[in-house]
Amino acid sequence: MKALVIGSGGREHALVWKLRQEGFEVFCAPGNGGICRDATCHEAKDVDELLQLALRERMDLTVVGPEAYLAQGVVDVFESHGLKIFGPNKRASQLECSKAYAKLLMDESKIPTARFKLFDDPDQAERYVERCDLPVVIKADGLAQGKGSYVVTSREEAFNVVDSLMRKKIFGESGERIVVEEFLQGREMSLMIFTDGKTYVPMMSAMDYKKIYDGDRGPNTGGMGAIAPAPHYSENLWRSVKEEILDKLFPALEKKNVIYKGVLYLGLMVTQDGPKVLEFNCRFGDPEIQVLLPLLDTKLSEVCFAVIEGNLERLSIVWREEKGVCVVIASGGYPNDYKVGFTISGLESVEGVMVFHAGTKWQDGRFLTNGGRVLNVCATGRTYEEARKKVYSEIAKIHFEGMYFRKDIGLV
């Protein structure tokens, strides 16, 4: 059996690792330094090149990592050629690709979320933030690699964000339209579900750490670490999410002739009034899936095939009764300007943990840094503290110039 994983980050390395464990011959496009030691990597990047690779190698399963490929319609193209591919199609992926689309759908369906207004004119947006309560959240409408959301606490900061997104266009077309929404108080958590459009099954809950500095301070990143399960998750919370969010969302999508298959990631704020949706993502969370896959007892491939074939209700998904901790090691300066090309040493000494490569390349017999988030070090244990000790003791063996990581991941 052959499997193709599309993408080049830590999430994709974790997917490659899991599918290899299940006996697949794994290919990845485009991959990274670490992935290319565990899978056959190809430079294919655009949808047509990926399709030709999948047809040529007769892939039995393709799993999509990044949201950008979903937005480009890779699922639609593969399905039109009879290939089995895991992920939502282009129309369904609008839930992530346009925050405005998602907010309007939630508003129509009475799904609990923050109050909001949409703007495509920066002057109007500035006039609005000048009189709204602070703090306030400003988001780019389109995809921004997890960095397009800002919690602003002053008028000046709000004006700067509007200017950066809408006039300077730091995220290109993604910031031509923005969402301004109320700041929700509560505890943030991530919940991902598998769904075939009819049945939805929750994964083990997880909590990610988005801010760059310890104590959840500083700017947002793509994620500096994660733990699973989320310590404040409960069956009562799941019932609320199911009844107030999912049982409203899927009928609303069906009315629009949208059949959603794959993973749906719910970014939630658990408030005094119950869970509210911060965002929807249409793919596995990163770094959440890096901490979850080592805890998944059921074969990932079985889940993927059940989703693709519409048989999810027949499958029992089992998770290990352990805790997981994942710490991201980043380049100095991330999420702003950073340098790459530094030699990574000590990886050969690491043991007893999973090391998933994110921003690395293999060159002249050594690993070099090649991105903002460089490595993900993950472990499981009977307690968060046990898993955490494993991770941090092994991180101490790794070195590259300017390397940075949070020290408080898993302190609960």
Protein backbone atom coordinates (compact mmCIF):
# COMPACT_ATOMS: atom_id res chain seq x y z
CA MET A 1 0.00 0.00 0.00
CA LYS A 2 1.23 3.47 -0.90
CA ALA A 3 0.33 6.75 0.81
CA LEU A 4 1.09 10.33 -0.18
CA VAL A 5 1.28 13.10 2.42
CA ILE A 6 1.05 16.63 1.01
CA GLY A 7 3.00 19.30 2.87
CA SER A 8 6.35 20.12 4.41
CA GLY A 9 5.93 20.80 8.13
CA GLY A 10 5.91 19.11 11.52
CA ARG A 11 2.28 18.08 11.05
CA GLU A 12 3.21 16.26 7.84
CA HIS A 13 6.19 14.53 9.48
CA ALA A 14 3.84 13.22 12.18
CA LEU A 15 1.44 11.94 9.50
CA VAL A 16 4.32 10.24 7.67
CA TRP A 17 5.49 8.66 10.94
CA LYS A 18 2.02 7.29 11.72
CA LEU A 19 1.40 5.88 8.23
CA ARG A 20 4.83 4.24 8.17
CA GLN A 21 3.97 2.52 11.45
CA GLU A 22 0.87 1.15 9.73
CA GLY A 23 2.93 -0.48 6.98
CA PHE A 24 2.52 2.02 4.15
CA GLU A 25 5.21 2.92 1.68
CA VAL A 26 5.03 6.68 2.26
CA PHE A 27 5.70 9.49 -0.19
CA CYS A 28 5.67 13.19 0.68
CA ALA A 29 5.58 16.33 -1.43
CA PRO A 30 7.49 18.49 -0.97
CA GLY A 31 8.65 17.28 2.48
CA ASN A 32 11.59 18.59 4.53
CA GLY A 33 14.96 17.39 5.78
CA GLY A 34 13.58 15.05 8.42
CA ILE A 35 10.65 13.78 6.37
CA CYS A 36 12.98 12.85 3.51
CA ARG A 37 14.76 10.42 5.83
CA ASP A 38 11.46 8.64 6.51
CA ALA A 39 9.63 8.95 3.17
CA THR A 40 10.29 9.31 -0.56
CA CYS A 41 10.08 13.04 -1.17
CA HIS A 42 9.19 14.78 -4.42
CA GLU A 43 9.46 18.43 -5.37
CA ALA A 44 5.87 18.42 -6.70
CA LYS A 45 4.19 21.52 -5.33
CA ASP A 46 1.25 22.58 -7.45
CA VAL A 47 -1.96 20.58 -7.76
CA ASP A 48 -1.24 19.26 -11.26
CA GLU A 49 2.24 18.02 -10.27
CA LEU A 50 0.76 16.34 -7.19
CA LEU A 51 -1.91 14.67 -9.33
CA GLN A 52 0.67 13.33 -11.78
CA LEU A 53 2.72 11.94 -8.90
CA ALA A 54 -0.31 10.22 -7.36
CA LEU A 55 -1.37 8.71 -10.69
CA ARG A 56 2.15 7.60 -11.61
CA GLU A 57 2.77 5.89 -8.24
CA ARG A 58 -0.81 4.59 -8.00
CA MET A 59 -1.35 5.99 -4.51
CA ASP A 60 -3.87 4.11 -2.39
CA LEU A 61 -4.36 7.09 -0.06
CA THR A 62 -3.46 10.78 -0.05
CA VAL A 63 -3.63 12.90 3.10
CA VAL A 64 -3.57 16.70 2.78
CA GLY A 65 -1.68 18.69 5.40
CA PRO A 66 -1.80 22.46 4.72
CA GLU A 67 -4.97 24.44 4.14
CA ALA A 68 -3.56 26.19 1.06
CA TYR A 69 -3.84 23.00 -1.02
CA LEU A 70 -7.45 22.53 0.11
CA ALA A 71 -8.21 26.10 -0.95
CA GLN A 72 -6.74 25.32 -4.38
CA GLY A 73 -9.14 22.39 -4.81
CA VAL A 74 -6.67 19.49 -4.62
CA VAL A 75 -9.41 17.20 -3.23
CA ASP A 76 -11.78 17.99 -6.11
CA VAL A 77 -9.05 17.30 -8.69
CA PHE A 78 -7.92 14.02 -7.14
CA GLU A 79 -11.48 12.76 -6.73
CA SER A 80 -12.26 13.57 -10.36
CA HIS A 81 -9.49 11.08 -11.28
CA GLY A 82 -10.79 8.35 -8.97
CA LEU A 83 -8.10 8.82 -6.30
CA LYS A 84 -8.81 8.42 -2.59
CA ILE A 85 -7.88 11.62 -0.80
CA PHE A 86 -8.55 12.70 2.78
CA GLY A 87 -9.68 16.29 3.27
CA PRO A 88 -12.60 18.64 2.51
CA ASN A 89 -13.21 19.85 -1.02
CA LYS A 90 -12.77 23.45 -2.15
CA ARG A 91 -16.31 24.62 -1.24
CA ALA A 92 -16.19 22.99 2.20
CA SER A 93 -12.76 24.46 2.94
CA GLN A 94 -14.27 27.96 2.75
CA LEU A 95 -14.93 27.50 6.48
CA GLU A 96 -11.25 28.19 7.02
CA CYS A 97 -10.27 30.04 3.88
CA SER A 98 -12.71 32.89 4.58
CA LYS A 99 -13.35 33.98 8.13
CA ALA A 100 -16.12 36.21 6.83
CA TYR A 101 -17.87 33.20 5.25
CA ALA A 102 -17.55 31.26 8.51
CA LYS A 103 -18.80 34.13 10.68
CA LEU A 104 -21.81 34.79 8.44
CA LEU A 105 -22.67 31.09 8.43
CA MET A 106 -22.48 30.96 12.21
CA ASP A 107 -24.60 34.08 12.49
CA GLU A 108 -27.27 32.61 10.18
CA SER A 109 -27.23 29.29 12.07
CA LYS A 110 -27.19 30.83 15.57
CA ILE A 111 -23.91 29.12 16.42
CA PRO A 112 -22.30 30.75 19.47
CA THR A 113 -19.37 32.96 18.48
CA ALA A 114 -18.05 36.44 19.19
CA ARG A 115 -20.08 39.41 17.95
CA PHE A 116 -18.46 40.79 14.81
CA LYS A 117 -18.46 43.25 11.92
CA LEU A 118 -16.89 42.88 8.45
CA PHE A 119 -14.98 45.60 6.62
CA ASP A 120 -13.45 45.94 3.17
CA ASP A 121 -12.67 49.64 3.59
CA PRO A 122 -9.82 50.57 5.99
CA ASP A 123 -11.25 54.02 6.77
CA GLN A 124 -14.57 52.51 7.86
CA ALA A 125 -12.75 49.89 9.91
CA GLU A 126 -10.72 52.57 11.71
CA ARG A 127 -13.81 54.62 12.47
CA TYR A 128 -15.40 51.52 13.98
CA VAL A 129 -12.44 50.50 16.17
CA GLU A 130 -12.18 54.12 17.34
CA ARG A 131 -15.45 53.73 19.23
CA CYS A 132 -15.65 50.00 20.11
CA ASP A 133 -14.76 48.50 23.48
CA LEU A 134 -11.19 47.31 24.05
CA PRO A 135 -9.59 44.85 23.84
CA VAL A 136 -10.87 43.89 20.41
CA VAL A 137 -9.84 41.15 17.96
CA ILE A 138 -8.93 41.97 14.35
CA LYS A 139 -8.55 39.15 11.82
CA ALA A 140 -7.56 38.91 8.19
CA ASP A 141 -10.38 37.31 6.23
CA GLY A 142 -8.18 34.92 4.26
CA LEU A 143 -5.36 32.48 5.01
CA ALA A 144 -2.37 33.91 6.89
CA GLN A 145 -0.48 30.84 8.19
CA GLY A 146 -1.98 31.19 11.65
CA LYS A 147 -0.66 34.74 12.07
CA GLY A 148 -3.59 36.83 10.84
CA SER A 149 -5.36 37.32 14.18
CA TYR A 150 -4.58 40.19 16.56
CA VAL A 151 -5.82 41.00 20.05
CA VAL A 152 -5.41 44.76 20.33
CA THR A 153 -5.57 46.73 23.56
CA SER A 154 -5.22 50.33 22.34
CA ARG A 155 -6.65 52.50 19.55
CA GLU A 156 -3.17 53.12 18.15
CA GLU A 157 -2.48 49.40 17.96
CA ALA A 158 -5.85 48.83 16.27
CA PHE A 159 -5.09 51.49 13.65
CA ASN A 160 -1.67 49.94 13.02
CA VAL A 161 -3.19 46.47 12.51
CA VAL A 162 -5.87 47.78 10.13
CA ASP A 163 -3.20 49.69 8.20
CA SER A 164 -0.87 46.67 8.01
CA LEU A 165 -3.59 44.30 6.84
CA MET A 166 -5.60 46.49 4.50
CA ARG A 167 -3.22 49.13 3.15
CA LYS A 168 0.24 47.59 3.42
CA LYS A 169 -1.26 44.16 2.69
CA ILE A 170 1.27 42.17 4.70
CA PHE A 171 -0.79 39.03 3.94
CA GLY A 172 -1.66 40.06 0.40
CA GLU A 173 -5.26 39.52 -0.69
CA SER A 174 -6.02 37.72 2.60
CA GLY A 175 -6.17 41.09 4.37
CA GLU A 176 -8.26 43.00 1.85
CA ARG A 177 -11.28 42.17 3.99
CA ILE A 178 -11.11 42.00 7.78
CA VAL A 179 -13.24 40.81 10.67
CA VAL A 180 -13.44 42.92 13.83
CA GLU A 181 -14.92 40.98 16.72
CA GLU A 182 -15.40 41.17 20.46
CA PHE A 183 -12.72 39.79 22.73
CA LEU A 184 -13.98 36.67 24.50
CA GLN A 185 -12.96 35.84 28.06
CA GLY A 186 -12.45 32.23 29.07
CA ARG A 187 -10.18 29.26 28.46
CA GLU A 188 -9.05 28.49 24.94
CA MET A 189 -8.94 24.93 23.67
CA SER A 190 -8.75 23.00 20.42
CA LEU A 191 -11.16 20.24 19.46
CA MET A 192 -10.83 18.30 16.23
CA ILE A 193 -13.36 15.88 14.81
CA PHE A 194 -13.32 13.29 12.05
CA THR A 195 -16.39 13.52 9.84
CA ASP A 196 -17.73 11.87 6.68
CA GLY A 197 -20.46 14.48 6.33
CA LYS A 198 -23.02 12.42 8.25
CA THR A 199 -21.20 11.17 11.35
CA TYR A 200 -18.76 13.18 13.42
CA VAL A 201 -16.44 11.68 16.01
CA PRO A 202 -14.29 13.79 18.35
CA MET A 203 -10.59 13.22 18.61
CA MET A 204 -8.93 13.39 21.99
CA SER A 205 -8.99 17.05 23.01
CA ALA A 206 -5.83 19.16 22.88
CA MET A 207 -4.65 22.60 23.93
CA ASP A 208 -2.09 24.58 21.96
CA TYR A 209 0.11 27.47 23.02
CA LYS A 210 -0.09 30.20 20.38
CA LYS A 211 1.90 33.04 21.93
CA ILE A 212 5.66 33.23 21.48
CA TYR A 213 6.62 33.82 25.13
CA ASP A 214 6.10 31.93 28.38
CA GLY A 215 2.92 32.84 30.20
CA ASP A 216 1.09 33.28 26.88
CA ARG A 217 2.63 36.66 26.15
CA GLY A 218 3.72 38.29 22.93
CA PRO A 219 2.53 37.93 19.35
CA ASN A 220 0.69 34.95 17.92
CA THR A 221 2.65 32.20 16.20
CA GLY A 222 1.69 29.11 14.26
CA GLY A 223 1.89 27.32 17.64
CA MET A 224 4.73 26.90 20.16
CA GLY A 225 3.55 23.62 21.67
CA ALA A 226 0.55 21.52 22.64
CA ILE A 227 -0.71 19.10 25.25
CA ALA A 228 -3.37 16.40 25.13
CA PRO A 229 -5.90 15.89 26.47
CA ALA A 230 -6.91 19.47 27.31
CA PRO A 231 -7.11 19.59 31.12
CA HIS A 232 -10.48 21.39 31.21
CA TYR A 233 -12.20 19.17 28.63
CA SER A 234 -15.23 17.15 29.79
CA GLU A 235 -18.05 15.06 28.35
CA ASN A 236 -20.45 17.87 29.29
CA LEU A 237 -18.37 20.25 27.19
CA TRP A 238 -18.48 17.82 24.25
CA ARG A 239 -22.27 17.59 24.52
CA SER A 240 -22.49 21.39 24.41
CA VAL A 241 -20.21 21.56 21.37
CA LYS A 242 -22.21 18.86 19.61
CA GLU A 243 -25.63 20.34 20.34
CA GLU A 244 -24.87 24.06 20.05
CA ILE A 245 -22.30 24.00 17.27
CA LEU A 246 -22.01 20.81 15.20
CA ASP A 247 -25.70 19.87 15.13
CA LYS A 248 -26.36 23.34 13.69
CA LEU A 249 -23.32 23.58 11.42
CA PHE A 250 -23.74 20.41 9.36
CA PRO A 251 -27.41 21.00 8.45
CA ALA A 252 -26.47 24.59 7.49
CA LEU A 253 -23.72 23.29 5.19
CA GLU A 254 -26.07 20.70 3.71
CA LYS A 255 -28.55 23.47 2.84
CA LYS A 256 -25.77 25.04 0.81
CA ASN A 257 -25.11 21.67 -0.89
CA VAL A 258 -21.77 21.36 0.88
CA ILE A 259 -20.74 17.87 2.02
CA TYR A 260 -17.89 18.22 4.48
CA LYS A 261 -15.47 15.26 4.73
CA GLY A 262 -12.18 15.12 6.58
CA VAL A 263 -11.05 16.87 9.75
CA LEU A 264 -12.84 19.86 11.20
CA TYR A 265 -10.81 21.77 13.75
CA LEU A 266 -12.75 23.95 16.17
CA GLY A 267 -10.85 26.68 17.94
CA LEU A 268 -13.02 27.28 21.01
CA MET A 269 -13.22 29.71 23.89
CA VAL A 270 -14.90 28.10 26.87
CA THR A 271 -16.73 31.06 28.43
CA GLN A 272 -19.11 31.41 31.37
CA ASP A 273 -21.92 31.07 28.82
CA GLY A 274 -20.50 27.89 27.33
CA PRO A 275 -18.21 27.16 24.37
CA LYS A 276 -18.00 29.72 21.57
CA VAL A 277 -16.25 29.31 18.22
CA LEU A 278 -13.11 31.37 17.67
CA GLU A 279 -12.37 29.82 14.29
CA PHE A 280 -12.81 26.78 12.11
CA ASN A 281 -9.87 25.08 10.44
CA CYS A 282 -10.28 22.43 7.77
CA ARG A 283 -7.20 20.32 8.48
CA PHE A 284 -5.23 18.73 11.28
CA GLY A 285 -4.01 21.26 13.81
CA ASP A 286 -0.29 21.99 13.95
CA PRO A 287 1.20 21.26 16.49
CA GLU A 288 -1.89 19.57 17.98
CA ILE A 289 -1.76 16.54 15.69
CA GLN A 290 1.91 15.97 16.58
CA VAL A 291 0.87 15.38 20.19
CA LEU A 292 -2.30 13.44 19.30
CA LEU A 293 -1.08 10.86 16.78
CA PRO A 294 1.19 9.07 19.30
CA LEU A 295 -1.93 8.65 21.47
CA LEU A 296 -4.12 7.24 18.66
CA ASP A 297 -4.46 3.44 18.99
CA THR A 298 -6.67 3.02 15.93
CA LYS A 299 -4.92 3.06 12.56
CA LEU A 300 -5.08 6.51 11.02
CA SER A 301 -5.45 4.94 7.58
CA GLU A 302 -8.58 3.07 8.72
CA VAL A 303 -10.10 6.35 9.85
CA CYS A 304 -9.18 8.06 6.57
CA PHE A 305 -10.73 5.31 4.45
CA ALA A 306 -13.89 5.27 6.61
CA VAL A 307 -14.27 9.04 6.12
CA ILE A 308 -13.64 8.89 2.37
CA GLU A 309 -16.09 6.00 1.88
CA GLY A 310 -18.77 7.40 4.21
CA ASN A 311 -18.51 4.54 6.72
CA LEU A 312 -17.33 6.42 9.80
CA GLU A 313 -20.28 5.29 11.93
CA ARG A 314 -19.03 1.68 11.67
CA LEU A 315 -15.58 2.46 13.08
CA SER A 316 -14.64 2.60 16.75
CA ILE A 317 -11.77 5.06 17.31
CA VAL A 318 -9.62 4.27 20.37
CA TRP A 319 -7.16 6.54 22.19
CA ARG A 320 -4.50 5.60 24.73
CA GLU A 321 -5.18 6.63 28.32
CA GLU A 322 -2.04 8.74 28.61
CA LYS A 323 -0.99 12.38 28.43
CA GLY A 324 1.00 13.97 25.64
CA VAL A 325 3.29 17.01 25.49
CA CYS A 326 4.80 18.62 22.37
CA VAL A 327 7.29 21.51 22.44
CA VAL A 328 8.19 23.49 19.33
CA ILE A 329 11.79 24.62 18.88
CA ALA A 330 11.91 27.79 16.80
CA SER A 331 14.48 30.00 15.11
CA GLY A 332 15.53 33.09 17.04
CA GLY A 333 13.36 36.05 16.03
CA TYR A 334 10.34 33.98 15.02
CA PRO A 335 7.48 34.90 14.34
CA ASN A 336 9.13 38.01 12.93
CA ASP A 337 12.44 38.12 11.07
CA TYR A 338 14.75 35.14 11.57
CA LYS A 339 17.80 33.61 9.90
CA VAL A 340 18.13 30.08 8.51
CA GLY A 341 20.98 27.78 7.52
CA PHE A 342 22.34 26.96 10.98
CA THR A 343 23.62 23.44 11.72
CA ILE A 344 21.41 21.43 14.08
CA SER A 345 23.47 19.26 16.44
CA GLY A 346 22.59 16.64 19.02
CA LEU A 347 19.67 14.94 17.25
CA GLU A 348 21.57 11.64 17.11
CA SER A 349 21.67 11.60 20.94
CA VAL A 350 17.93 12.10 21.46
CA GLU A 351 15.98 9.04 22.67
CA GLY A 352 12.60 8.13 24.13
CA VAL A 353 10.72 10.94 22.37
CA MET A 354 9.38 11.67 18.88
CA VAL A 355 11.18 14.42 16.96
CA PHE A 356 9.09 15.73 14.07
CA HIS A 357 10.93 18.06 11.70
CA ALA A 358 9.20 21.25 10.57
CA GLY A 359 11.69 23.78 9.15
CA THR A 360 14.77 21.70 8.32
CA LYS A 361 16.76 20.59 5.30
CA TRP A 362 19.36 17.86 4.87
CA GLN A 363 22.52 19.12 3.20
CA ASP A 364 26.09 17.80 3.06
CA GLY A 365 25.35 15.12 5.66
CA ARG A 366 23.81 17.39 8.27
CA PHE A 367 20.50 18.98 9.23
CA LEU A 368 20.20 22.75 8.78
CA THR A 369 17.48 25.12 9.98
CA ASN A 370 15.16 26.15 7.17
CA GLY A 371 12.13 27.83 8.73
CA GLY A 372 10.61 29.66 11.69
CA ARG A 373 9.40 26.59 13.52
CA VAL A 374 12.24 24.06 13.21
CA LEU A 375 11.54 20.95 15.33
CA ASN A 376 8.71 19.44 17.38
CA VAL A 377 9.76 17.29 20.33
CA CYS A 378 6.90 15.12 21.64
CA ALA A 379 6.44 12.50 24.35
CA THR A 380 3.70 10.61 26.18
CA GLY A 381 3.45 9.64 29.84
CA ARG A 382 1.09 8.75 32.64
CA THR A 383 0.97 12.43 33.64
CA TYR A 384 1.67 15.75 31.94
CA GLU A 385 4.72 16.15 34.18
CA GLU A 386 6.15 12.77 33.17
CA ALA A 387 5.76 13.56 29.49
CA ARG A 388 7.06 17.08 30.00
CA LYS A 389 10.24 15.88 31.75
CA LYS A 390 10.99 13.52 28.86
CA VAL A 391 10.61 16.32 26.32
CA TYR A 392 12.69 18.95 28.07
CA SER A 393 15.48 16.53 29.06
CA GLU A 394 15.91 15.61 25.38
CA ILE A 395 15.63 19.20 24.12
CA ALA A 396 18.69 19.93 26.28
CA LYS A 397 20.71 17.71 23.90
CA ILE A 398 19.74 19.71 20.80
CA HIS A 399 21.47 22.91 19.69
CA PHE A 400 21.53 25.39 16.84
CA GLU A 401 22.39 29.08 16.81
CA GLY A 402 19.57 31.24 18.16
CA MET A 403 17.27 28.32 18.99
CA TYR A 404 14.26 29.28 21.10
CA PHE A 405 11.47 27.37 22.84
CA ARG A 406 8.92 28.02 25.54
CA LYS A 407 9.72 26.56 28.96
CA ASP A 408 6.15 26.35 30.25
CA ILE A 409 4.49 23.85 27.89
CA GLY A 410 2.58 21.27 29.92
CA LEU A 411 2.54 23.17 33.21
CA VAL A 412 -1.10 22.57 34.22
